């Protein structure tokens, strides 16, 4: 009986060691779960007539944009191989303005060719997410390699992906324009310098007292 138990324990030992090492390996403080930005382009071809949208096309465009639930962060552009008339841009801009957006000057490249007598309205939408989270695939209590938890970074990076105003900034970032309002940037310092010292009765903290006095 003892030999049989010893044989079973010897057989299961490698399996237990492999099981302890299974799961996502996170060997550093930098999480392996990073935000991933995906991009989707939605296109609609609308007919034109005399430098303007054809009758009924503006209503069709409005319904299409409503079905997409266009909102903040989306970019709307007009793709036309030929210079489109001012009436086309104004009609598209009217619909885009309902969502608080402006028509972009740069249209993304689309696969299908544009039919003559039509223009293509393209809505570009970017989304940031952290795939694979939450991740509890690794049991940290039996980790013999001192790995960080497999779920490490999921909460903070998922929050970053959800809160970023423009997901494209996670890829390209934003460049400064080199212009700064000195009066605005120095406002807090100026208020601190002009405040009377606390020893002279001055304070920047609202004093509270009982009894409404």
C-alpha atoms as a PDB file:
ATOM      1  CA  UNK A   1       0.000   0.000   0.000  1.00  0.00           C
ATOM      2  CA  UNK A   2       2.839   2.334   0.881  1.00  0.00           C
ATOM      3  CA  UNK A   3       4.630   1.600  -2.407  1.00  0.00           C
ATOM      4  CA  UNK A   4       1.431   2.262  -4.332  1.00  0.00           C
ATOM      5  CA  UNK A   5       0.911   5.640  -2.621  1.00  0.00           C
ATOM      6  CA  UNK A   6       4.524   6.547  -3.276  1.00  0.00           C
ATOM      7  CA  UNK A   7       4.132   5.622  -6.941  1.00  0.00           C
ATOM      8  CA  UNK A   8       0.998   7.788  -7.282  1.00  0.00           C
ATOM      9  CA  UNK A   9       2.706  10.739  -5.588  1.00  0.00           C
ATOM     10  CA  UNK A  10       5.748  10.370  -7.853  1.00  0.00           C
ATOM     11  CA  UNK A  11       3.510  10.290 -10.921  1.00  0.00           C
ATOM     12  CA  UNK A  12       1.472  13.339  -9.898  1.00  0.00           C
ATOM     13  CA  UNK A  13       4.449  15.491  -8.863  1.00  0.00           C
ATOM     14  CA  UNK A  14       5.386  16.648 -12.406  1.00  0.00           C
ATOM     15  CA  UNK A  15       1.737  17.401 -13.172  1.00  0.00           C
ATOM     16  CA  UNK A  16       1.441  19.516 -10.039  1.00  0.00           C
ATOM     17  CA  UNK A  17       4.600  21.434 -10.909  1.00  0.00           C
ATOM     18  CA  UNK A  18       3.357  22.075 -14.443  1.00  0.00           C
ATOM     19  CA  UNK A  19      -0.022  23.170 -13.095  1.00  0.00           C
ATOM     20  CA  UNK A  20       1.659  25.629 -10.766  1.00  0.00           C
ATOM     21  CA  UNK A  21       3.469  27.213 -13.729  1.00  0.00           C
ATOM     22  CA  UNK A  22       0.391  27.354 -15.972  1.00  0.00           C
ATOM     23  CA  UNK A  23      -1.334  30.602 -16.818  1.00  0.00           C
ATOM     24  CA  UNK A  24      -0.207  34.051 -17.924  1.00  0.00           C
ATOM     25  CA  UNK A  25       3.407  34.796 -17.062  1.00  0.00           C
ATOM     26  CA  UNK A  26       3.958  38.323 -15.804  1.00  0.00           C
ATOM     27  CA  UNK A  27       7.617  38.422 -14.809  1.00  0.00           C
ATOM     28  CA  UNK A  28       8.013  42.172 -14.431  1.00  0.00           C
ATOM     29  CA  UNK A  29       6.275  45.182 -12.959  1.00  0.00           C
ATOM     30  CA  UNK A  30       5.105  46.261 -16.414  1.00  0.00           C
ATOM     31  CA  UNK A  31       1.801  44.526 -17.034  1.00  0.00           C
ATOM     32  CA  UNK A  32       1.459  42.222 -20.023  1.00  0.00           C
ATOM     33  CA  UNK A  33      -2.136  43.434 -20.330  1.00  0.00           C
ATOM     34  CA  UNK A  34      -1.907  46.662 -22.312  1.00  0.00           C
ATOM     35  CA  UNK A  35      -4.659  48.697 -24.022  1.00  0.00           C
ATOM     36  CA  UNK A  36      -5.256  47.741 -27.644  1.00  0.00           C
ATOM     37  CA  UNK A  37      -6.771  50.309 -30.017  1.00  0.00           C
ATOM     38  CA  UNK A  38      -9.053  49.068 -32.790  1.00  0.00           C
ATOM     39  CA  UNK A  39     -10.350  51.149 -35.686  1.00  0.00           C
ATOM     40  CA  UNK A  40     -13.539  50.716 -37.709  1.00  0.00           C
ATOM     41  CA  UNK A  41     -14.589  52.653 -40.821  1.00  0.00           C
ATOM     42  CA  UNK A  42     -18.278  52.859 -41.772  1.00  0.00           C
ATOM     43  CA  UNK A  43     -19.080  54.155 -45.257  1.00  0.00           C
ATOM     44  CA  UNK A  44     -22.247  55.289 -47.013  1.00  0.00           C
ATOM     45  CA  UNK A  45     -22.437  56.354 -50.655  1.00  0.00           C
ATOM     46  CA  UNK A  46     -24.957  59.137 -51.281  1.00  0.00           C
ATOM     47  CA  UNK A  47     -26.078  60.401 -54.680  1.00  0.00           C
ATOM     48  CA  UNK A  48     -25.398  63.958 -55.789  1.00  0.00           C
ATOM     49  CA  UNK A  49     -27.273  66.251 -58.133  1.00  0.00           C
ATOM     50  CA  UNK A  50     -26.041  69.597 -59.388  1.00  0.00           C
ATOM     51  CA  UNK A  51     -23.384  70.115 -56.715  1.00  0.00           C
ATOM     52  CA  UNK A  52     -25.763  69.146 -53.913  1.00  0.00           C
ATOM     53  CA  UNK A  53     -27.170  65.966 -52.459  1.00  0.00           C
ATOM     54  CA  UNK A  54     -29.940  64.357 -54.472  1.00  0.00           C
ATOM     55  CA  UNK A  55     -33.493  64.644 -53.087  1.00  0.00           C
ATOM     56  CA  UNK A  56     -34.026  62.324 -50.133  1.00  0.00           C
ATOM     57  CA  UNK A  57     -30.321  61.590 -49.670  1.00  0.00           C
ATOM     58  CA  UNK A  58     -29.899  63.948 -46.725  1.00  0.00           C
ATOM     59  CA  UNK A  59     -32.718  62.149 -44.888  1.00  0.00           C
ATOM     60  CA  UNK A  60     -31.096  58.808 -45.696  1.00  0.00           C
ATOM     61  CA  UNK A  61     -27.793  60.120 -44.363  1.00  0.00           C
ATOM     62  CA  UNK A  62     -29.491  61.298 -41.164  1.00  0.00           C
ATOM     63  CA  UNK A  63     -31.034  57.868 -40.586  1.00  0.00           C
ATOM     64  CA  UNK A  64     -27.727  56.124 -41.234  1.00  0.00           C
ATOM     65  CA  UNK A  65     -25.855  58.305 -38.764  1.00  0.00           C
ATOM     66  CA  UNK A  66     -28.582  57.789 -36.168  1.00  0.00           C
ATOM     67  CA  UNK A  67     -28.294  54.011 -36.571  1.00  0.00           C
ATOM     68  CA  UNK A  68     -24.543  54.254 -35.956  1.00  0.00           C
ATOM     69  CA  UNK A  69     -25.141  56.403 -32.874  1.00  0.00           C
ATOM     70  CA  UNK A  70     -22.485  58.862 -33.964  1.00  0.00           C
ATOM     71  CA  UNK A  71     -21.007  60.669 -30.995  1.00  0.00           C
ATOM     72  CA  UNK A  72     -17.958  62.222 -29.409  1.00  0.00           C
ATOM     73  CA  UNK A  73     -14.723  60.654 -30.604  1.00  0.00           C
ATOM     74  CA  UNK A  74     -16.057  59.726 -34.042  1.00  0.00           C
ATOM     75  CA  UNK A  75     -14.601  61.381 -37.113  1.00  0.00           C
ATOM     76  CA  UNK A  76     -16.755  62.086 -40.172  1.00  0.00           C
ATOM     77  CA  UNK A  77     -15.186  62.773 -43.562  1.00  0.00           C
ATOM     78  CA  UNK A  78     -16.286  63.084 -47.198  1.00  0.00           C
ATOM     79  CA  UNK A  79     -14.453  60.956 -49.754  1.00  0.00           C
ATOM     80  CA  UNK A  80     -14.831  62.129 -53.341  1.00  0.00           C
ATOM     81  CA  UNK A  81     -12.197  61.732 -56.075  1.00  0.00           C
ATOM     82  CA  UNK A  82     -13.551  64.896 -57.705  1.00  0.00           C
ATOM     83  CA  UNK A  83     -13.938  68.241 -55.932  1.00  0.00           C
ATOM     84  CA  UNK A  84     -17.387  68.093 -54.410  1.00  0.00           C
ATOM     85  CA  UNK A  85     -19.709  71.091 -54.456  1.00  0.00           C
ATOM     86  CA  UNK A  86     -20.229  73.347 -51.489  1.00  0.00           C
ATOM     87  CA  UNK A  87     -23.817  72.158 -51.213  1.00  0.00           C
ATOM     88  CA  UNK A  88     -22.715  68.568 -50.564  1.00  0.00           C
ATOM     89  CA  UNK A  89     -20.384  69.571 -47.766  1.00  0.00           C
ATOM     90  CA  UNK A  90     -22.975  71.882 -46.224  1.00  0.00           C
ATOM     91  CA  UNK A  91     -25.619  69.149 -46.250  1.00  0.00           C
ATOM     92  CA  UNK A  92     -23.272  66.647 -44.604  1.00  0.00           C
ATOM     93  CA  UNK A  93     -22.081  69.277 -42.128  1.00  0.00           C
ATOM     94  CA  UNK A  94     -25.687  69.980 -41.092  1.00  0.00           C
ATOM     95  CA  UNK A  95     -26.217  66.356 -40.134  1.00  0.00           C
ATOM     96  CA  UNK A  96     -22.836  66.071 -38.442  1.00  0.00           C
ATOM     97  CA  UNK A  97     -23.520  69.234 -36.422  1.00  0.00           C
ATOM     98  CA  UNK A  98     -26.481  67.510 -34.747  1.00  0.00           C
ATOM     99  CA  UNK A  99     -23.916  65.375 -32.917  1.00  0.00           C
ATOM    100  CA  UNK A 100     -21.591  68.239 -32.015  1.00  0.00           C
ATOM    101  CA  UNK A 101     -18.969  67.241 -34.592  1.00  0.00           C
ATOM    102  CA  UNK A 102     -17.248  68.839 -37.576  1.00  0.00           C
ATOM    103  CA  UNK A 103     -16.506  67.394 -41.003  1.00  0.00           C
ATOM    104  CA  UNK A 104     -12.891  66.248 -41.206  1.00  0.00           C
ATOM    105  CA  UNK A 105     -10.749  67.277 -44.155  1.00  0.00           C
ATOM    106  CA  UNK A 106      -8.866  63.964 -44.311  1.00  0.00           C
ATOM    107  CA  UNK A 107     -10.853  60.955 -45.501  1.00  0.00           C
ATOM    108  CA  UNK A 108      -9.529  57.445 -44.832  1.00  0.00           C
ATOM    109  CA  UNK A 109      -8.758  55.114 -47.711  1.00  0.00           C
ATOM    110  CA  UNK A 110     -11.608  52.715 -48.473  1.00  0.00           C
ATOM    111  CA  UNK A 111     -11.483  49.475 -50.443  1.00  0.00           C
ATOM    112  CA  UNK A 112     -14.363  49.815 -52.915  1.00  0.00           C
ATOM    113  CA  UNK A 113     -14.231  52.425 -55.705  1.00  0.00           C
ATOM    114  CA  UNK A 114     -16.685  55.308 -55.605  1.00  0.00           C
ATOM    115  CA  UNK A 115     -19.435  55.213 -58.220  1.00  0.00           C
ATOM    116  CA  UNK A 116     -19.712  58.225 -60.500  1.00  0.00           C
ATOM    117  CA  UNK A 117     -22.339  60.701 -59.340  1.00  0.00           C
ATOM    118  CA  UNK A 118     -21.943  59.784 -55.678  1.00  0.00           C
ATOM    119  CA  UNK A 119     -19.814  60.818 -52.732  1.00  0.00           C
ATOM    120  CA  UNK A 120     -18.825  58.632 -49.827  1.00  0.00           C
ATOM    121  CA  UNK A 121     -19.408  59.672 -46.232  1.00  0.00           C
ATOM    122  CA  UNK A 122     -17.038  57.816 -43.903  1.00  0.00           C
ATOM    123  CA  UNK A 123     -17.408  57.573 -40.133  1.00  0.00           C
ATOM    124  CA  UNK A 124     -14.212  56.491 -38.397  1.00  0.00           C
ATOM    125  CA  UNK A 125     -14.536  55.084 -34.899  1.00  0.00           C
ATOM    126  CA  UNK A 126     -11.699  54.011 -32.626  1.00  0.00           C
ATOM    127  CA  UNK A 127     -12.063  51.956 -29.480  1.00  0.00           C
ATOM    128  CA  UNK A 128      -9.570  51.058 -26.764  1.00  0.00           C
ATOM    129  CA  UNK A 129      -9.852  47.866 -24.743  1.00  0.00           C
ATOM    130  CA  UNK A 130      -7.670  45.459 -22.783  1.00  0.00           C
ATOM    131  CA  UNK A 131      -8.118  41.921 -24.127  1.00  0.00           C
ATOM    132  CA  UNK A 132      -7.764  38.970 -21.802  1.00  0.00           C
ATOM    133  CA  UNK A 133      -8.905  40.798 -18.674  1.00  0.00           C
ATOM    134  CA  UNK A 134      -9.711  39.882 -15.993  1.00  0.00           C
ATOM    135  CA  UNK A 135      -7.073  37.168 -15.908  1.00  0.00           C
ATOM    136  CA  UNK A 136      -6.963  34.766 -12.970  1.00  0.00           C
ATOM    137  CA  UNK A 137      -5.253  31.989 -14.906  1.00  0.00           C
ATOM    138  CA  UNK A 138      -2.244  31.848 -12.594  1.00  0.00           C
ATOM    139  CA  UNK A 139      -2.375  30.880  -8.935  1.00  0.00           C
ATOM    140  CA  UNK A 140       0.004  33.277  -7.228  1.00  0.00           C
ATOM    141  CA  UNK A 141      -0.032  31.287  -3.996  1.00  0.00           C
ATOM    142  CA  UNK A 142       1.919  28.453  -5.669  1.00  0.00           C
ATOM    143  CA  UNK A 143       4.188  30.555  -7.884  1.00  0.00           C
ATOM    144  CA  UNK A 144       7.806  29.465  -7.536  1.00  0.00           C
ATOM    145  CA  UNK A 145       9.121  31.962 -10.111  1.00  0.00           C
ATOM    146  CA  UNK A 146       8.074  35.150  -8.275  1.00  0.00           C
ATOM    147  CA  UNK A 147       5.801  36.261 -11.131  1.00  0.00           C
ATOM    148  CA  UNK A 148       3.521  39.226 -10.679  1.00  0.00           C
ATOM    149  CA  UNK A 149      -0.144  38.272 -10.521  1.00  0.00           C
ATOM    150  CA  UNK A 150      -1.610  37.298 -13.892  1.00  0.00           C
ATOM    151  CA  UNK A 151      -4.322  39.913 -13.321  1.00  0.00           C
ATOM    152  CA  UNK A 152      -1.788  42.657 -12.600  1.00  0.00           C
ATOM    153  CA  UNK A 153      -2.533  45.839 -14.570  1.00  0.00           C
ATOM    154  CA  UNK A 154      -5.994  44.808 -15.722  1.00  0.00           C
ATOM    155  CA  UNK A 155      -7.850  47.308 -13.541  1.00  0.00           C
ATOM    156  CA  UNK A 156      -5.644  50.348 -14.186  1.00  0.00           C
ATOM    157  CA  UNK A 157      -5.214  49.772 -17.917  1.00  0.00           C
ATOM    158  CA  UNK A 158      -8.888  48.925 -18.448  1.00  0.00           C
ATOM    159  CA  UNK A 159      -9.792  52.174 -16.673  1.00  0.00           C
ATOM    160  CA  UNK A 160      -7.350  54.092 -18.868  1.00  0.00           C
ATOM    161  CA  UNK A 161      -8.865  52.543 -21.996  1.00  0.00           C
ATOM    162  CA  UNK A 162     -12.379  53.428 -20.843  1.00  0.00           C
ATOM    163  CA  UNK A 163     -11.577  57.018 -19.845  1.00  0.00           C
ATOM    164  CA  UNK A 164      -9.367  58.117 -22.753  1.00  0.00           C
ATOM    165  CA  UNK A 165     -11.182  60.809 -24.728  1.00  0.00           C
ATOM    166  CA  UNK A 166      -9.515  59.956 -28.027  1.00  0.00           C
ATOM    167  CA  UNK A 167      -8.234  56.363 -28.250  1.00  0.00           C
ATOM    168  CA  UNK A 168      -5.891  57.412 -31.070  1.00  0.00           C
ATOM    169  CA  UNK A 169      -3.861  59.330 -28.484  1.00  0.00           C
ATOM    170  CA  UNK A 170      -2.751  55.994 -27.017  1.00  0.00           C
ATOM    171  CA  UNK A 171      -1.034  55.295 -30.341  1.00  0.00           C
ATOM    172  CA  UNK A 172       0.043  58.682 -31.699  1.00  0.00           C
ATOM    173  CA  UNK A 173      -0.232  61.035 -28.735  1.00  0.00           C
ATOM    174  CA  UNK A 174      -0.720  64.780 -29.013  1.00  0.00           C
ATOM    175  CA  UNK A 175       1.863  67.360 -30.004  1.00  0.00           C
ATOM    176  CA  UNK A 176       1.906  70.699 -28.246  1.00  0.00           C
ATOM    177  CA  UNK A 177       1.312  73.880 -30.212  1.00  0.00           C
ATOM    178  CA  UNK A 178       3.983  75.821 -28.340  1.00  0.00           C
ATOM    179  CA  UNK A 179       1.514  78.497 -27.224  1.00  0.00           C
ATOM    180  CA  UNK A 180       0.883  79.059 -23.524  1.00  0.00           C
ATOM    181  CA  UNK A 181      -1.231  81.636 -21.718  1.00  0.00           C
ATOM    182  CA  UNK A 182       1.155  83.013 -19.115  1.00  0.00           C
ATOM    183  CA  UNK A 183      -1.587  84.757 -17.152  1.00  0.00           C
ATOM    184  CA  UNK A 184      -3.529  81.505 -16.809  1.00  0.00           C
ATOM    185  CA  UNK A 185      -0.496  79.370 -15.969  1.00  0.00           C
ATOM    186  CA  UNK A 186       0.700  81.812 -13.293  1.00  0.00           C
ATOM    187  CA  UNK A 187      -2.754  82.450 -11.790  1.00  0.00           C
ATOM    188  CA  UNK A 188      -2.401  79.911  -8.974  1.00  0.00           C
ATOM    189  CA  UNK A 189       1.089  81.125  -8.053  1.00  0.00           C
ATOM    190  CA  UNK A 190      -0.056  84.750  -8.097  1.00  0.00           C
ATOM    191  CA  UNK A 191      -2.991  83.962  -5.776  1.00  0.00           C
ATOM    192  CA  UNK A 192      -0.656  82.157  -3.372  1.00  0.00           C
ATOM    193  CA  UNK A 193       1.778  85.074  -3.271  1.00  0.00           C
ATOM    194  CA  UNK A 194      -0.942  87.687  -2.700  1.00  0.00           C
ATOM    195  CA  UNK A 195      -2.643  85.756   0.104  1.00  0.00           C
ATOM    196  CA  UNK A 196      -1.900  87.270   3.554  1.00  0.00           C
ATOM    197  CA  UNK A 197       0.144  85.054   5.900  1.00  0.00           C
ATOM    198  CA  UNK A 198      -1.785  82.882   8.323  1.00  0.00           C
ATOM    199  CA  UNK A 199       0.021  84.555  11.210  1.00  0.00           C
ATOM    200  CA  UNK A 200      -1.559  87.848  10.196  1.00  0.00           C
ATOM    201  CA  UNK A 201      -5.034  86.389  10.199  1.00  0.00           C
ATOM    202  CA  UNK A 202      -5.073  85.413   6.567  1.00  0.00           C
ATOM    203  CA  UNK A 203      -6.135  81.967   5.470  1.00  0.00           C
ATOM    204  CA  UNK A 204      -7.028  80.242   2.234  1.00  0.00           C
ATOM    205  CA  UNK A 205      -9.131  77.618   4.024  1.00  0.00           C
ATOM    206  CA  UNK A 206     -12.741  78.324   4.840  1.00  0.00           C
ATOM    207  CA  UNK A 207     -13.200  78.441   8.597  1.00  0.00           C
ATOM    208  CA  UNK A 208     -16.104  76.403   9.936  1.00  0.00           C
ATOM    209  CA  UNK A 209     -17.777  76.994  13.298  1.00  0.00           C
ATOM    210  CA  UNK A 210     -20.616  75.416  15.242  1.00  0.00           C
ATOM    211  CA  UNK A 211     -23.933  77.203  15.611  1.00  0.00           C
ATOM    212  CA  UNK A 212     -23.701  78.875  12.214  1.00  0.00           C
ATOM    213  CA  UNK A 213     -21.463  81.662  13.534  1.00  0.00           C
END
